[in-house]
C-alpha atoms as a PDB file:
ATOM      1  CA  MET A   1      -1.682 -15.274   0.003  1.00  0.00           C
ATOM      2  CA  ALA A   2      -1.509 -11.934  -1.772  1.00  0.00           C
ATOM      3  CA  ILE A   3      -2.128  -8.667  -0.002  1.00  0.00           C
ATOM      4  CA  ASN A   4      -2.389  -5.804  -2.463  1.00  0.00           C
ATOM      5  CA  LEU A   5      -1.799  -2.425  -0.833  1.00  0.00           C
ATOM      6  CA  ILE A   6      -2.824   0.477  -3.040  1.00  0.00           C
ATOM      7  CA  ILE A   7      -1.995   3.967  -1.853  1.00  0.00           C
ATOM      8  CA  LYS A   8      -3.909   6.627  -3.755  1.00  0.00           C
ATOM      9  CA  ILE A   9      -2.974   9.398  -1.346  1.00  0.00           C
ATOM     10  CA  ARG A  10       0.585  10.643  -0.944  1.00  0.00           C
ATOM     11  CA  LYS A  11       0.157  12.730   2.209  1.00  0.00           C
ATOM     12  CA  GLN A  12       0.340   9.825   4.643  1.00  0.00           C
ATOM     13  CA  ARG A  13       3.074   7.259   5.225  1.00  0.00           C
ATOM     14  CA  ILE A  14       1.619   3.759   5.458  1.00  0.00           C
ATOM     15  CA  ASN A  15       3.619   1.044   7.226  1.00  0.00           C
ATOM     16  CA  LYS A  16       3.054  -1.668   4.610  1.00  0.00           C
ATOM     17  CA  SER A  17       4.962  -4.383   6.447  1.00  0.00           C
ATOM     18  CA  LYS A  18       2.923  -3.830   9.621  1.00  0.00           C
ATOM     19  CA  ILE A  19      -0.343  -4.003   7.635  1.00  0.00           C
ATOM     20  CA  LYS A  20       0.788  -7.306   6.110  1.00  0.00           C
ATOM     21  CA  ARG A  21       1.748  -8.653   9.548  1.00  0.00           C
ATOM     22  CA  LEU A  22      -1.691  -7.594  10.821  1.00  0.00           C
ATOM     23  CA  ILE A  23      -3.461  -9.502   8.039  1.00  0.00           C
ATOM     24  CA  LYS A  24      -1.428 -12.637   8.800  1.00  0.00           C
ATOM     25  CA  PHE A  25      -2.209 -12.178  12.507  1.00  0.00           C
ATOM     26  CA  LEU A  26      -5.944 -11.892  11.703  1.00  0.00           C
ATOM     27  CA  GLN A  27      -5.857 -15.011   9.563  1.00  0.00           C
ATOM     28  CA  ASN A  28      -4.174 -16.975  12.351  1.00  0.00           C
ATOM     29  CA  SER A  29      -6.350 -15.555  15.134  1.00  0.00           C
ATOM     30  CA  LEU A  30      -9.602 -16.153  13.252  1.00  0.00           C
ATOM     31  CA  SER A  31      -8.551 -19.502  11.710  1.00  0.00           C
ATOM     32  CA  ILE A  32      -8.986 -18.216   8.162  1.00  0.00           C
ATOM     33  CA  ASP A  33      -7.470 -20.113   5.258  1.00  0.00           C
ATOM     34  CA  LYS A  34      -4.930 -18.237   3.210  1.00  0.00           C
ATOM     35  CA  VAL A  35      -6.764 -15.742   1.046  1.00  0.00           C
ATOM     36  CA  SER A  36      -5.966 -12.684  -1.014  1.00  0.00           C
ATOM     37  CA  LEU A  37      -7.346  -9.198  -0.520  1.00  0.00           C
ATOM     38  CA  SER A  38      -6.738  -5.587  -1.455  1.00  0.00           C
ATOM     39  CA  ILE A  39      -6.513  -2.572   0.822  1.00  0.00           C
ATOM     40  CA  VAL A  40      -6.813   0.879  -0.730  1.00  0.00           C
ATOM     41  CA  PHE A  41      -5.779   4.018   1.150  1.00  0.00           C
ATOM     42  CA  CYS A  42      -7.447   7.000  -0.464  1.00  0.00           C
ATOM     43  CA  GLY A  43      -8.836  10.502  -0.109  1.00  0.00           C
ATOM     44  CA  ASP A  44     -12.356  11.763   0.574  1.00  0.00           C
ATOM     45  CA  LYS A  45     -13.458  12.140  -3.062  1.00  0.00           C
ATOM     46  CA  PHE A  46     -12.734   8.523  -3.941  1.00  0.00           C
ATOM     47  CA  ILE A  47     -14.434   6.965  -0.913  1.00  0.00           C
ATOM     48  CA  ARG A  48     -17.370   9.393  -1.140  1.00  0.00           C
ATOM     49  CA  LYS A  49     -17.960   8.335  -4.750  1.00  0.00           C
ATOM     50  CA  LEU A  50     -17.912   4.637  -3.759  1.00  0.00           C
ATOM     51  CA  ASN A  51     -20.130   5.258  -0.719  1.00  0.00           C
ATOM     52  CA  ASN A  52     -22.673   7.029  -2.925  1.00  0.00           C
ATOM     53  CA  GLN A  53     -22.489   4.454  -5.711  1.00  0.00           C
ATOM     54  CA  TYR A  54     -22.785   1.339  -3.536  1.00  0.00           C
ATOM     55  CA  ARG A  55     -24.572   2.513  -0.401  1.00  0.00           C
ATOM     56  CA  GLY A  56     -26.570   5.508  -1.662  1.00  0.00           C
ATOM     57  CA  MET A  57     -24.854   7.800   0.853  1.00  0.00           C
ATOM     58  CA  ASP A  58     -23.369  10.953  -0.671  1.00  0.00           C
ATOM     59  CA  GLU A  59     -20.795  11.458   2.052  1.00  0.00           C
ATOM     60  CA  SER A  60     -17.304  10.396   2.991  1.00  0.00           C
ATOM     61  CA  THR A  61     -16.742   7.563   5.448  1.00  0.00           C
ATOM     62  CA  ASP A  62     -13.695   6.087   7.137  1.00  0.00           C
ATOM     63  CA  VAL A  63     -13.847   2.526   5.771  1.00  0.00           C
ATOM     64  CA  LEU A  64     -15.751   0.487   3.198  1.00  0.00           C
ATOM     65  CA  SER A  65     -15.522  -3.237   2.546  1.00  0.00           C
ATOM     66  CA  PHE A  66     -16.521  -5.112  -0.588  1.00  0.00           C
ATOM     67  CA  GLU A  67     -16.761  -8.892  -0.395  1.00  0.00           C
ATOM     68  CA  SER A  68     -15.698 -10.622  -3.603  1.00  0.00           C
ATOM     69  CA  GLY A  69     -17.881 -13.712  -3.308  1.00  0.00           C
ATOM     70  CA  GLU A  70     -14.911 -15.787  -4.471  1.00  0.00           C
ATOM     71  CA  THR A  71     -13.165 -18.490  -2.480  1.00  0.00           C
ATOM     72  CA  GLU A  72      -9.584 -17.352  -3.057  1.00  0.00           C
ATOM     73  CA  TYR A  73     -10.122 -13.569  -3.093  1.00  0.00           C
ATOM     74  CA  LEU A  74     -11.693 -12.222   0.099  1.00  0.00           C
ATOM     75  CA  GLY A  75     -12.409  -8.716  -1.196  1.00  0.00           C
ATOM     76  CA  ASP A  76     -11.424  -5.065  -0.933  1.00  0.00           C
ATOM     77  CA  ILE A  77     -11.037  -2.722   2.023  1.00  0.00           C
ATOM     78  CA  ILE A  78     -11.085   1.012   1.250  1.00  0.00           C
ATOM     79  CA  ILE A  79      -9.801   3.428   3.927  1.00  0.00           C
ATOM     80  CA  SER A  80     -10.082   7.227   3.768  1.00  0.00           C
ATOM     81  CA  ILE A  81      -6.982   8.847   5.266  1.00  0.00           C
ATOM     82  CA  PRO A  82      -8.704  12.250   5.763  1.00  0.00           C
ATOM     83  CA  ASP A  83     -11.449  10.490   7.750  1.00  0.00           C
ATOM     84  CA  VAL A  84      -8.795   8.646   9.750  1.00  0.00           C
ATOM     85  CA  TRP A  85      -7.281  12.029  10.656  1.00  0.00           C
ATOM     86  CA  LYS A  86     -10.686  13.342  11.816  1.00  0.00           C
ATOM     87  CA  THR A  87     -10.973  10.432  14.249  1.00  0.00           C
ATOM     88  CA  VAL A  88      -7.350  10.732  15.382  1.00  0.00           C
ATOM     89  CA  LEU A  89      -7.748  14.416  16.207  1.00  0.00           C
ATOM     90  CA  ARG A  90     -11.132  13.937  17.890  1.00  0.00           C
ATOM     91  CA  GLU A  91     -10.156  10.863  19.938  1.00  0.00           C
ATOM     92  CA  LYS A  92      -6.505  11.863  20.504  1.00  0.00           C
ATOM     93  CA  ILE A  93      -5.111   8.499  19.421  1.00  0.00           C
ATOM     94  CA  PRO A  94      -2.093   7.608  17.256  1.00  0.00           C
ATOM     95  CA  ILE A  95      -2.816   7.528  13.521  1.00  0.00           C
ATOM     96  CA  GLU A  96      -1.172   4.120  13.072  1.00  0.00           C
ATOM     97  CA  GLU A  97      -3.513   2.660  15.709  1.00  0.00           C
ATOM     98  CA  GLU A  98      -6.583   3.992  13.906  1.00  0.00           C
ATOM     99  CA  ILE A  99      -5.355   2.686  10.554  1.00  0.00           C
ATOM    100  CA  LEU A 100      -4.845  -0.766  12.099  1.00  0.00           C
ATOM    101  CA  ARG A 101      -8.297  -0.576  13.708  1.00  0.00           C
ATOM    102  CA  LEU A 102      -9.923   0.186  10.344  1.00  0.00           C
ATOM    103  CA  VAL A 103      -8.050  -2.616   8.594  1.00  0.00           C
ATOM    104  CA  ILE A 104      -9.385  -5.010  11.251  1.00  0.00           C
ATOM    105  CA  HIS A 105     -12.864  -3.475  10.932  1.00  0.00           C
ATOM    106  CA  GLY A 106     -12.852  -3.926   7.167  1.00  0.00           C
ATOM    107  CA  PHE A 107     -11.458  -7.459   7.428  1.00  0.00           C
ATOM    108  CA  LEU A 108     -14.228  -8.481   9.821  1.00  0.00           C
ATOM    109  CA  HIS A 109     -16.835  -7.071   7.413  1.00  0.00           C
ATOM    110  CA  LEU A 110     -15.289  -9.159   4.619  1.00  0.00           C
ATOM    111  CA  LEU A 111     -15.855 -12.202   6.835  1.00  0.00           C
ATOM    112  CA  GLY A 112     -19.531 -11.302   7.186  1.00  0.00           C
ATOM    113  CA  TYR A 113     -19.504  -9.553  10.562  1.00  0.00           C
ATOM    114  CA  GLU A 114     -21.971  -6.694  10.984  1.00  0.00           C
ATOM    115  CA  HIS A 115     -22.600  -4.114  13.682  1.00  0.00           C
ATOM    116  CA  LYS A 116     -25.408  -1.759  14.610  1.00  0.00           C
ATOM    117  CA  GLU A 117     -24.050  -0.290  17.853  1.00  0.00           C
ATOM    118  CA  LYS A 118     -20.633   0.623  19.204  1.00  0.00           C
ATOM    119  CA  ASN A 119     -20.802  -2.191  21.791  1.00  0.00           C
ATOM    120  CA  SER A 120     -21.656  -4.944  19.297  1.00  0.00           C
ATOM    121  CA  ILE A 121     -19.866  -8.289  19.184  1.00  0.00           C
ATOM    122  CA  MET A 122     -17.996  -7.193  16.060  1.00  0.00           C
ATOM    123  CA  ILE A 123     -16.650  -4.001  17.654  1.00  0.00           C
ATOM    124  CA  LYS A 124     -15.640  -5.884  20.813  1.00  0.00           C
ATOM    125  CA  LEU A 125     -13.817  -8.472  18.687  1.00  0.00           C
ATOM    126  CA  GLN A 126     -12.165  -5.685  16.681  1.00  0.00           C
ATOM    127  CA  GLU A 127     -10.794  -4.027  19.823  1.00  0.00           C
ATOM    128  CA  GLU A 128      -9.679  -7.359  21.284  1.00  0.00           C
ATOM    129  CA  LEU A 129      -7.795  -8.229  18.078  1.00  0.00           C
ATOM    130  CA  LEU A 130      -6.206  -4.771  17.949  1.00  0.00           C
ATOM    131  CA  SER A 131      -5.052  -5.065  21.552  1.00  0.00           C
ATOM    132  CA  LYS A 132      -3.571  -8.551  20.998  1.00  0.00           C
ATOM    133  CA  PHE A 133      -1.815  -7.471  17.818  1.00  0.00           C
ATOM    134  CA  LYS A 134      -0.288  -4.408  19.488  1.00  0.00           C
ATOM    135  CA  GLN A 135       0.860  -6.603  22.395  1.00  0.00           C
ATOM    136  CA  GLU A 136       2.470  -9.122  19.996  1.00  0.00           C
ATOM    137  CA  GLU A 137       4.200  -6.293  18.145  1.00  0.00           C
ATOM    138  CA  ASN A 138       5.641  -4.978  21.420  1.00  0.00           C
ATOM    139  CA  ASP A 139       6.896  -8.361  22.669  1.00  0.00           C
END
């Protein structure tokens, strides 16, 4: 399994080893065969360009996911650090927690999960996985 972490923004420290542990945790928890994926941490301009190009929305967003359609390569997760900070400041939560939440969110999208509301099955699963991962990390 290869996890490619690409950091296009220098203003935020990313705990790479924790992200890799999270992906392994998700694979085990969701009974997913070993796969490869990429996670890109970027700024607003980059994610806004992708959001406009692929979704027709000329605005920044916190996370985008692109399924590869291949068996071995799951796809790409793109996370905007400036958008993460907006949520962190608004919700008064730790930045590392929000980054982990968005990695889980993107991973679930790569598996085909969708959501329309905040209380959807996908969002409930996301929060359950985040809680279990944080508990495992603290044990």
